[in-house]
Amino acid sequence: MSKENPTEQKTDSFTQLTPKEELIMKLNGETAIVAWKEIERFFAKGNLLLIEQGVDLINCAADLSLDNAEAIKPLIDSEKIQRMPIEFVKENCQPETEFWSVVVAPYVLAQLK
């Protein structure tokens, strides 16, 4: 607190989070491991996005949520983010196949565990 205004709170620039950092913390708490059978309905609706392994799921979800086209467009162009391809489903998905997932409405982002 400053001597001029004893009720004023001093802020430490190291403890303030950016909006993206706050969102990442929130999304991190909302991730879950889910079985294919639990997210298959989102695939049927066209709302299931496959996130390639090696791409940071939470960071990707935050960028998508914040409409950060600069970060998302290269991932889409390189197909590291894409609507879940039917070929992938046929080759990799059984009812118990597990995915890391997070919701960024209207999408569910899924990454093969």
C-alpha atoms as a PDB file:
ATOM      1  CA  MET A   1       0.000   0.000   0.000  1.00  0.00           C
ATOM      2  CA  SER A   2       1.226   3.465  -0.759  1.00  0.00           C
ATOM      3  CA  LYS A   3       1.617   6.105   1.909  1.00  0.00           C
ATOM      4  CA  GLU A   4      -0.583   8.492  -0.094  1.00  0.00           C
ATOM      5  CA  ASN A   5      -3.538   6.121  -0.205  1.00  0.00           C
ATOM      6  CA  PRO A   6      -3.463   3.355   2.414  1.00  0.00           C
ATOM      7  CA  THR A   7      -6.387   1.451   0.795  1.00  0.00           C
ATOM      8  CA  GLU A   8      -4.688   1.278  -2.591  1.00  0.00           C
ATOM      9  CA  GLN A   9      -3.426  -2.213  -3.337  1.00  0.00           C
ATOM     10  CA  LYS A  10      -0.036  -2.579  -4.880  1.00  0.00           C
ATOM     11  CA  THR A  11      -0.053  -4.823  -7.936  1.00  0.00           C
ATOM     12  CA  ASP A  12       2.865  -6.974  -8.877  1.00  0.00           C
ATOM     13  CA  SER A  13       3.293  -7.221 -12.639  1.00  0.00           C
ATOM     14  CA  PHE A  14       4.573 -10.782 -12.204  1.00  0.00           C
ATOM     15  CA  THR A  15       1.305 -11.991 -10.697  1.00  0.00           C
ATOM     16  CA  GLN A  16      -1.099 -10.451 -13.183  1.00  0.00           C
ATOM     17  CA  LEU A  17      -2.284 -12.884 -15.806  1.00  0.00           C
ATOM     18  CA  THR A  18      -3.145 -12.011 -19.366  1.00  0.00           C
ATOM     19  CA  PRO A  19      -6.653 -12.870 -20.565  1.00  0.00           C
ATOM     20  CA  LYS A  20      -5.180 -15.820 -22.488  1.00  0.00           C
ATOM     21  CA  GLU A  21      -3.340 -17.091 -19.394  1.00  0.00           C
ATOM     22  CA  GLU A  22      -6.548 -16.853 -17.354  1.00  0.00           C
ATOM     23  CA  LEU A  23      -8.427 -18.737 -20.062  1.00  0.00           C
ATOM     24  CA  ILE A  24      -5.717 -21.416 -20.209  1.00  0.00           C
ATOM     25  CA  MET A  25      -6.059 -21.939 -16.456  1.00  0.00           C
ATOM     26  CA  LYS A  26      -9.839 -22.227 -16.794  1.00  0.00           C
ATOM     27  CA  LEU A  27      -9.665 -24.610 -19.766  1.00  0.00           C
ATOM     28  CA  ASN A  28      -7.018 -26.737 -18.075  1.00  0.00           C
ATOM     29  CA  GLY A  29      -9.508 -27.409 -15.303  1.00  0.00           C
ATOM     30  CA  GLU A  30     -12.138 -28.374 -17.857  1.00  0.00           C
ATOM     31  CA  THR A  31     -10.156 -31.006 -19.762  1.00  0.00           C
ATOM     32  CA  ALA A  32     -11.140 -34.617 -19.444  1.00  0.00           C
ATOM     33  CA  ILE A  33     -10.228 -38.019 -20.724  1.00  0.00           C
ATOM     34  CA  VAL A  34     -13.242 -39.339 -22.585  1.00  0.00           C
ATOM     35  CA  ALA A  35     -14.012 -42.473 -24.530  1.00  0.00           C
ATOM     36  CA  TRP A  36     -14.951 -42.276 -28.196  1.00  0.00           C
ATOM     37  CA  LYS A  37     -18.481 -43.431 -27.393  1.00  0.00           C
ATOM     38  CA  GLU A  38     -18.918 -40.254 -25.288  1.00  0.00           C
ATOM     39  CA  ILE A  39     -17.929 -37.829 -28.063  1.00  0.00           C
ATOM     40  CA  GLU A  40     -19.137 -39.698 -31.137  1.00  0.00           C
ATOM     41  CA  ARG A  41     -22.371 -37.659 -31.221  1.00  0.00           C
ATOM     42  CA  PHE A  42     -20.319 -34.469 -31.691  1.00  0.00           C
ATOM     43  CA  PHE A  43     -18.620 -36.123 -34.655  1.00  0.00           C
ATOM     44  CA  ALA A  44     -22.066 -36.862 -36.133  1.00  0.00           C
ATOM     45  CA  LYS A  45     -22.994 -33.177 -35.775  1.00  0.00           C
ATOM     46  CA  GLY A  46     -19.706 -31.993 -37.347  1.00  0.00           C
ATOM     47  CA  ASN A  47     -18.629 -30.332 -34.105  1.00  0.00           C
ATOM     48  CA  LEU A  48     -15.693 -32.570 -33.214  1.00  0.00           C
ATOM     49  CA  LEU A  49     -12.236 -31.232 -33.987  1.00  0.00           C
ATOM     50  CA  LEU A  50      -9.226 -33.513 -34.087  1.00  0.00           C
ATOM     51  CA  ILE A  51      -6.102 -31.951 -32.638  1.00  0.00           C
ATOM     52  CA  GLU A  52      -2.932 -33.676 -33.816  1.00  0.00           C
ATOM     53  CA  GLN A  53      -0.724 -35.194 -31.158  1.00  0.00           C
ATOM     54  CA  GLY A  54       2.144 -32.846 -30.400  1.00  0.00           C
ATOM     55  CA  VAL A  55      -0.094 -29.765 -30.569  1.00  0.00           C
ATOM     56  CA  ASP A  56      -0.815 -28.228 -27.156  1.00  0.00           C
ATOM     57  CA  LEU A  57      -4.534 -28.969 -26.709  1.00  0.00           C
ATOM     58  CA  ILE A  58      -5.157 -26.281 -24.087  1.00  0.00           C
ATOM     59  CA  ASN A  59      -3.232 -23.560 -25.897  1.00  0.00           C
ATOM     60  CA  CYS A  60      -5.059 -24.456 -29.098  1.00  0.00           C
ATOM     61  CA  ALA A  61      -8.423 -24.310 -27.301  1.00  0.00           C
ATOM     62  CA  ALA A  62      -7.563 -20.902 -25.847  1.00  0.00           C
ATOM     63  CA  ASP A  63      -6.534 -19.532 -29.251  1.00  0.00           C
ATOM     64  CA  LEU A  64      -9.729 -20.888 -30.801  1.00  0.00           C
ATOM     65  CA  SER A  65     -11.838 -19.406 -28.016  1.00  0.00           C
ATOM     66  CA  LEU A  66     -10.109 -16.021 -28.370  1.00  0.00           C
ATOM     67  CA  ASP A  67     -10.486 -16.170 -32.173  1.00  0.00           C
ATOM     68  CA  ASN A  68      -6.714 -15.865 -32.563  1.00  0.00           C
ATOM     69  CA  ALA A  69      -6.600 -16.478 -36.305  1.00  0.00           C
ATOM     70  CA  GLU A  70      -2.859 -15.768 -36.443  1.00  0.00           C
ATOM     71  CA  ALA A  71      -2.200 -18.831 -34.269  1.00  0.00           C
ATOM     72  CA  ILE A  72      -5.022 -21.076 -35.519  1.00  0.00           C
ATOM     73  CA  LYS A  73      -4.810 -20.598 -39.302  1.00  0.00           C
ATOM     74  CA  PRO A  74      -1.383 -22.258 -39.722  1.00  0.00           C
ATOM     75  CA  LEU A  75      -2.609 -25.248 -37.702  1.00  0.00           C
ATOM     76  CA  ILE A  76      -5.706 -25.550 -39.867  1.00  0.00           C
ATOM     77  CA  ASP A  77      -3.690 -25.116 -43.073  1.00  0.00           C
ATOM     78  CA  SER A  78      -1.320 -27.909 -42.011  1.00  0.00           C
ATOM     79  CA  GLU A  79      -4.289 -30.079 -40.876  1.00  0.00           C
ATOM     80  CA  LYS A  80      -3.016 -30.189 -37.306  1.00  0.00           C
ATOM     81  CA  ILE A  81      -6.529 -29.024 -36.425  1.00  0.00           C
ATOM     82  CA  GLN A  82      -9.381 -30.379 -38.518  1.00  0.00           C
ATOM     83  CA  ARG A  83     -12.900 -31.671 -38.312  1.00  0.00           C
ATOM     84  CA  MET A  84     -12.587 -35.290 -37.254  1.00  0.00           C
ATOM     85  CA  PRO A  85     -11.953 -37.132 -40.533  1.00  0.00           C
ATOM     86  CA  ILE A  86     -14.047 -40.223 -41.232  1.00  0.00           C
ATOM     87  CA  GLU A  87     -10.869 -42.061 -42.251  1.00  0.00           C
ATOM     88  CA  PHE A  88      -9.345 -41.371 -38.827  1.00  0.00           C
ATOM     89  CA  VAL A  89     -12.503 -42.623 -37.128  1.00  0.00           C
ATOM     90  CA  LYS A  90     -12.552 -45.850 -39.178  1.00  0.00           C
ATOM     91  CA  GLU A  91      -8.874 -46.554 -38.472  1.00  0.00           C
ATOM     92  CA  ASN A  92      -8.554 -45.435 -34.848  1.00  0.00           C
ATOM     93  CA  CYS A  93     -11.842 -45.233 -32.993  1.00  0.00           C
ATOM     94  CA  GLN A  94     -13.378 -48.046 -30.996  1.00  0.00           C
ATOM     95  CA  PRO A  95     -16.022 -47.359 -28.333  1.00  0.00           C
ATOM     96  CA  GLU A  96     -13.343 -47.307 -25.592  1.00  0.00           C
ATOM     97  CA  THR A  97     -10.648 -45.365 -27.491  1.00  0.00           C
ATOM     98  CA  GLU A  98      -9.566 -42.532 -25.199  1.00  0.00           C
ATOM     99  CA  PHE A  99      -9.123 -38.875 -26.070  1.00  0.00           C
ATOM    100  CA  TRP A 100      -8.046 -35.813 -24.129  1.00  0.00           C
ATOM    101  CA  SER A 101     -10.865 -33.353 -24.717  1.00  0.00           C
ATOM    102  CA  VAL A 102     -12.035 -29.879 -23.924  1.00  0.00           C
ATOM    103  CA  VAL A 103     -15.111 -27.930 -25.003  1.00  0.00           C
ATOM    104  CA  VAL A 104     -14.895 -24.608 -26.817  1.00  0.00           C
ATOM    105  CA  ALA A 105     -18.526 -24.206 -27.787  1.00  0.00           C
ATOM    106  CA  PRO A 106     -19.816 -25.200 -30.229  1.00  0.00           C
ATOM    107  CA  TYR A 107     -16.824 -27.516 -30.683  1.00  0.00           C
ATOM    108  CA  VAL A 108     -15.307 -30.357 -28.739  1.00  0.00           C
ATOM    109  CA  LEU A 109     -11.555 -30.536 -29.277  1.00  0.00           C
ATOM    110  CA  ALA A 110     -10.176 -34.055 -29.046  1.00  0.00           C
ATOM    111  CA  GLN A 111      -6.660 -35.422 -29.092  1.00  0.00           C
ATOM    112  CA  LEU A 112      -5.924 -39.136 -29.176  1.00  0.00           C
ATOM    113  CA  LYS A 113      -4.521 -40.150 -25.808  1.00  0.00           C
END
